[in-house]
Protein backbone atom coordinates (compact mmCIF):
# COMPACT_ATOMS: atom_id res chain seq x y z
CA MET A 1 16.11 -10.33 -13.02
CA GLY A 2 17.32 -9.70 -9.51
CA LEU A 3 20.97 -9.38 -8.62
CA ASP A 4 22.67 -9.92 -5.30
CA CYS A 5 26.04 -8.32 -4.52
CA ILE A 6 27.96 -11.14 -6.21
CA GLY A 7 25.71 -10.82 -9.27
CA VAL A 8 26.38 -7.07 -9.50
CA VAL A 9 30.14 -7.70 -9.43
CA ALA A 10 29.91 -10.51 -12.00
CA HIS A 11 27.82 -8.33 -14.32
CA ALA A 12 30.04 -5.25 -13.89
CA PHE A 13 33.21 -7.13 -14.78
CA GLU A 14 31.51 -9.39 -17.36
CA LEU A 15 32.56 -12.50 -15.48
CA THR A 16 31.04 -15.81 -16.42
CA LEU A 17 30.46 -17.62 -13.16
CA LEU A 18 29.86 -21.27 -13.96
CA GLU A 19 28.87 -21.80 -10.36
CA ALA A 20 27.82 -19.03 -8.03
CA PRO A 21 30.35 -18.50 -5.24
CA ARG A 22 29.36 -20.24 -2.07
CA TYR A 23 28.34 -17.75 0.54
CA ARG A 24 30.39 -19.52 3.16
CA LEU A 25 33.37 -18.00 1.33
CA THR A 26 32.08 -14.62 2.38
CA ASP A 27 31.61 -15.32 6.07
CA GLY A 28 33.91 -12.47 7.09
CA ASP A 29 37.17 -14.40 6.72
CA TRP A 30 39.50 -12.22 4.64
CA GLY A 31 41.62 -15.21 3.64
CA LEU A 32 38.64 -16.99 2.13
CA VAL A 33 37.47 -13.82 0.40
CA GLU A 34 40.92 -13.21 -1.10
CA ARG A 35 41.20 -16.79 -2.37
CA GLY A 36 37.66 -16.58 -3.77
CA VAL A 37 38.33 -13.46 -5.84
CA ALA A 38 41.97 -14.31 -6.74
CA PRO A 39 41.16 -15.74 -10.21
CA TRP A 40 39.89 -12.33 -11.33
CA PHE A 41 41.25 -9.69 -8.93
CA ASN A 42 44.51 -8.59 -7.31
CA ALA A 43 44.50 -7.23 -3.77
CA VAL A 44 45.22 -3.50 -3.70
CA PHE A 45 48.01 -2.47 -1.37
CA GLY A 46 49.81 0.86 -1.18
CA ARG A 47 47.49 2.93 -3.34
CA GLU A 48 44.18 4.69 -3.00
CA ARG A 49 41.07 3.05 -4.35
CA SER A 50 40.18 3.88 -7.93
CA ASN A 51 37.27 3.52 -10.34
CA SER A 52 36.30 -0.05 -11.10
CA ASP A 53 37.90 -1.50 -7.99
CA LEU A 54 36.03 -4.28 -6.26
CA ALA A 55 35.18 -3.21 -2.71
CA VAL A 56 34.57 -5.85 -0.05
CA PHE A 57 33.11 -4.84 3.30
CA ARG A 58 33.14 -7.17 6.28
CA LEU A 59 29.78 -7.12 8.03
CA ALA A 60 28.69 -8.82 11.23
CA ARG A 61 28.29 -12.33 9.78
CA SER A 62 29.30 -12.00 6.15
CA CYS A 63 30.95 -9.78 3.57
CA HIS A 64 29.31 -7.47 1.06
CA PHE A 65 30.65 -6.77 -2.42
CA GLY A 66 30.35 -3.69 -4.63
CA VAL A 67 32.09 -1.73 -7.37
CA VAL A 68 33.80 1.63 -6.86
CA SER A 69 32.60 4.42 -9.15
CA GLY A 70 34.19 7.74 -8.23
CA ASP A 71 33.22 8.41 -4.63
CA ASP A 72 30.31 5.97 -4.80
CA LEU A 73 29.81 2.26 -4.28
CA ILE A 74 27.51 0.46 -6.70
CA HIS A 75 25.97 -2.51 -4.93
CA ALA A 76 22.82 -4.53 -4.36
CA ASP A 77 20.88 -3.08 -1.44
CA LEU A 78 19.08 -5.97 0.21
CA LYS A 79 16.77 -3.73 2.23
CA ILE A 80 15.21 -2.04 -0.80
CA GLY A 81 15.78 -4.87 -3.28
CA ARG A 82 17.63 -2.98 -5.99
CA VAL A 83 21.05 -1.98 -7.27
CA VAL A 84 22.05 1.46 -6.01
CA ALA A 85 24.97 3.89 -5.96
CA ARG A 86 25.76 5.23 -2.49
CA ARG A 87 28.54 7.51 -1.27
CA LEU A 88 31.50 5.59 0.14
CA PRO A 89 32.28 6.55 3.73
CA ALA A 90 35.19 9.00 4.03
CA ARG A 91 36.91 6.71 6.53
CA LEU A 92 37.17 3.07 5.65
CA GLY A 93 38.88 1.14 8.38
CA ARG A 94 39.97 -2.46 8.63
CA GLU A 95 36.51 -3.61 7.62
CA CYS A 96 36.96 -2.78 3.92
CA ARG A 97 39.39 -4.02 1.29
CA PHE A 98 39.81 -3.14 -2.36
CA PHE A 99 40.77 -5.37 -5.28
CA GLU A 100 41.85 -4.44 -8.80
CA PHE A 101 40.37 -6.31 -11.77
CA ARG A 102 42.91 -8.36 -13.73
CA ARG A 103 42.56 -7.09 -17.28
CA GLY A 104 42.36 -9.76 -19.94
CA CYS A 105 41.62 -12.64 -17.58
């Protein structure tokens, strides 16, 4: 079974997605991303990222999702076609946001 970045997040947080999120929601518009993840996640403001945070990176024409694990990001790497853990960049500017999973949702 192959997983894309949304599939990795759904699996990691044991979310049952009745309908896969539409990729137009991840076109780089932070407002759409925040509304799309709001049922399960709270935006993180005023604290450092922590384990099990959802990380969303804005790319040129879309956004990419992954899960924070220590100093790594677990995500689906499209280029190699598998789920990987890669070191998070030391500096994460405006192009990355973190969200905390709502426990018990």
